[in-house]
């Protein structure tokens, strides 16, 4: 049995807040919807939003 700390470390529990914070920032900056209609277009649009958001954070 791992115990709480072993389980937490093994499954990286507690790291989700950083991802949720990132998604929240992207959605606040660019909105929650996409303009693209195809799956490929949506993927490209979201990828570009993530790239732009990361660039703005690094300035």
N, C-alpha and C. Protein backbone atom coordinates (compact mmCIF):
# COMPACT_ATOMS: atom_id res chain seq x y z
N UNK A 1 0.84 -1.19 0.00
CA UNK A 1 0.00 0.00 0.00
C UNK A 1 0.88 1.25 0.00
N UNK A 2 0.53 2.20 -0.84
CA UNK A 2 1.36 3.39 -1.02
C UNK A 2 1.17 4.45 0.06
N UNK A 3 0.00 4.54 0.62
CA UNK A 3 -0.29 5.66 1.49
C UNK A 3 -0.61 6.88 0.64
N UNK A 4 -1.12 7.91 1.28
CA UNK A 4 -1.55 9.09 0.52
C UNK A 4 -0.40 9.74 -0.24
N UNK A 5 0.72 9.97 0.43
CA UNK A 5 1.84 10.67 -0.23
C UNK A 5 2.42 9.86 -1.38
N UNK A 6 2.54 8.56 -1.21
CA UNK A 6 3.03 7.71 -2.30
C UNK A 6 2.09 7.71 -3.48
N UNK A 7 0.78 7.60 -3.19
CA UNK A 7 -0.24 7.63 -4.25
C UNK A 7 -0.22 8.98 -4.97
N UNK A 8 -0.14 10.06 -4.17
CA UNK A 8 -0.12 11.42 -4.74
C UNK A 8 1.07 11.59 -5.69
N UNK A 9 2.22 11.14 -5.27
CA UNK A 9 3.42 11.29 -6.11
C UNK A 9 3.36 10.38 -7.34
N UNK A 10 2.88 9.16 -7.17
CA UNK A 10 2.82 8.21 -8.29
C UNK A 10 1.90 8.72 -9.39
N UNK A 11 0.74 9.26 -9.00
CA UNK A 11 -0.24 9.70 -9.99
C UNK A 11 -0.21 11.20 -10.25
N UNK A 12 0.80 11.89 -9.69
CA UNK A 12 0.99 13.32 -9.88
C UNK A 12 -0.26 14.13 -9.51
N UNK A 13 -0.94 13.65 -8.47
CA UNK A 13 -2.12 14.35 -7.98
C UNK A 13 -1.69 15.70 -7.43
N UNK A 14 -2.44 16.72 -7.72
CA UNK A 14 -2.10 18.07 -7.27
C UNK A 14 -1.52 18.91 -8.38
N UNK A 15 -1.18 18.31 -9.52
CA UNK A 15 -0.65 19.07 -10.65
C UNK A 15 -1.77 19.62 -11.53
N UNK A 16 -2.98 19.12 -11.34
CA UNK A 16 -4.09 19.52 -12.19
C UNK A 16 -4.38 21.02 -12.09
N UNK A 17 -4.17 21.61 -10.91
CA UNK A 17 -4.49 23.02 -10.75
C UNK A 17 -3.71 23.89 -11.73
N UNK A 18 -2.47 23.51 -12.04
CA UNK A 18 -1.67 24.30 -12.99
C UNK A 18 -2.27 24.23 -14.39
N UNK A 19 -2.75 23.06 -14.78
CA UNK A 19 -3.37 22.90 -16.09
C UNK A 19 -4.68 23.67 -16.15
N UNK A 20 -5.48 23.57 -15.09
CA UNK A 20 -6.76 24.29 -15.05
C UNK A 20 -6.54 25.80 -15.08
N UNK A 21 -5.50 26.28 -14.43
CA UNK A 21 -5.17 27.71 -14.46
C UNK A 21 -4.80 28.14 -15.87
N UNK A 22 -4.02 27.32 -16.56
CA UNK A 22 -3.64 27.62 -17.94
C UNK A 22 -4.87 27.69 -18.84
N UNK A 23 -5.74 26.67 -18.77
CA UNK A 23 -6.95 26.65 -19.59
C UNK A 23 -7.84 27.86 -19.28
N UNK A 24 -7.95 28.21 -18.02
CA UNK A 24 -8.76 29.36 -17.63
C UNK A 24 -8.22 30.64 -18.25
N UNK A 25 -6.91 30.80 -18.23
CA UNK A 25 -6.29 31.99 -18.82
C UNK A 25 -6.51 32.07 -20.32
N UNK A 26 -6.38 30.93 -21.00
CA UNK A 26 -6.60 30.89 -22.45
C UNK A 26 -8.05 31.26 -22.76
N UNK A 27 -8.99 30.69 -22.01
CA UNK A 27 -10.40 30.97 -22.26
C UNK A 27 -10.76 32.41 -21.94
N UNK A 28 -10.16 33.00 -20.91
CA UNK A 28 -10.42 34.41 -20.60
C UNK A 28 -9.89 35.32 -21.71
N UNK A 29 -8.75 34.96 -22.27
CA UNK A 29 -8.13 35.81 -23.29
C UNK A 29 -8.80 35.65 -24.66
N UNK A 30 -9.11 34.41 -25.06
CA UNK A 30 -9.58 34.15 -26.42
C UNK A 30 -11.04 33.71 -26.51
N UNK A 31 -11.69 33.50 -25.37
CA UNK A 31 -13.06 33.03 -25.37
C UNK A 31 -13.13 31.51 -25.35
N UNK A 32 -14.34 31.00 -25.13
CA UNK A 32 -14.52 29.55 -24.97
C UNK A 32 -14.88 28.85 -26.26
N UNK A 33 -15.12 29.58 -27.32
CA UNK A 33 -15.56 28.96 -28.57
C UNK A 33 -14.47 29.05 -29.63
N UNK A 34 -14.64 28.25 -30.68
CA UNK A 34 -13.74 28.31 -31.83
C UNK A 34 -14.54 28.70 -33.06
N UNK A 35 -13.87 29.24 -34.04
CA UNK A 35 -14.52 29.63 -35.30
C UNK A 35 -14.48 28.51 -36.33
N UNK A 36 -13.55 27.58 -36.16
CA UNK A 36 -13.36 26.49 -37.13
C UNK A 36 -14.54 25.51 -37.09
N UNK A 37 -14.74 24.81 -38.20
CA UNK A 37 -15.84 23.86 -38.31
C UNK A 37 -15.38 22.40 -38.36
N UNK A 38 -14.17 22.16 -38.81
CA UNK A 38 -13.68 20.78 -38.90
C UNK A 38 -12.83 20.45 -37.68
N UNK A 39 -12.67 19.17 -37.41
CA UNK A 39 -11.85 18.74 -36.28
C UNK A 39 -10.42 19.23 -36.46
N UNK A 40 -9.89 19.10 -37.67
CA UNK A 40 -8.52 19.56 -37.94
C UNK A 40 -8.42 21.07 -37.74
N UNK A 41 -9.40 21.81 -38.21
CA UNK A 41 -9.40 23.26 -38.04
C UNK A 41 -9.47 23.67 -36.57
N UNK A 42 -10.31 22.97 -35.81
CA UNK A 42 -10.42 23.26 -34.37
C UNK A 42 -9.09 22.99 -33.69
N UNK A 43 -8.46 21.86 -34.04
CA UNK A 43 -7.16 21.52 -33.46
C UNK A 43 -6.14 22.61 -33.76
N UNK A 44 -6.08 23.06 -35.01
CA UNK A 44 -5.12 24.09 -35.39
C UNK A 44 -5.40 25.41 -34.67
N UNK A 45 -6.68 25.77 -34.56
CA UNK A 45 -7.05 27.02 -33.89
C UNK A 45 -6.67 26.99 -32.41
N UNK A 46 -6.96 25.90 -31.74
CA UNK A 46 -6.64 25.78 -30.32
C UNK A 46 -5.12 25.76 -30.13
N UNK A 47 -4.42 25.05 -31.00
CA UNK A 47 -2.95 25.01 -30.92
C UNK A 47 -2.37 26.42 -31.06
N UNK A 48 -2.90 27.19 -31.98
CA UNK A 48 -2.44 28.57 -32.17
C UNK A 48 -2.74 29.43 -30.94
N UNK A 49 -3.93 29.26 -30.36
CA UNK A 49 -4.28 30.01 -29.15
C UNK A 49 -3.31 29.68 -28.02
N UNK A 50 -2.99 28.39 -27.85
CA UNK A 50 -2.04 28.00 -26.80
C UNK A 50 -0.67 28.61 -27.06
N UNK A 51 -0.24 28.58 -28.31
CA UNK A 51 1.07 29.14 -28.67
C UNK A 51 1.11 30.64 -28.37
N UNK A 52 0.09 31.36 -28.80
CA UNK A 52 0.04 32.80 -28.56
C UNK A 52 -0.01 33.12 -27.07
N UNK A 53 -0.79 32.36 -26.33
CA UNK A 53 -0.90 32.58 -24.89
C UNK A 53 0.46 32.37 -24.23
N UNK A 54 1.16 31.30 -24.59
CA UNK A 54 2.50 31.05 -24.03
C UNK A 54 3.47 32.17 -24.39
N UNK A 55 3.38 32.67 -25.62
CA UNK A 55 4.27 33.76 -26.04
C UNK A 55 3.99 35.02 -25.23
N UNK A 56 2.72 35.32 -25.00
CA UNK A 56 2.37 36.50 -24.21
C UNK A 56 2.81 36.36 -22.76
N UNK A 57 2.74 35.17 -22.21
CA UNK A 57 3.18 34.95 -20.83
C UNK A 57 4.69 35.09 -20.69
N UNK A 58 5.42 34.79 -21.75
CA UNK A 58 6.88 34.82 -21.66
C UNK A 58 7.47 36.21 -21.86
N UNK A 59 6.64 37.17 -22.22
CA UNK A 59 7.14 38.54 -22.45
C UNK A 59 7.41 39.23 -21.15
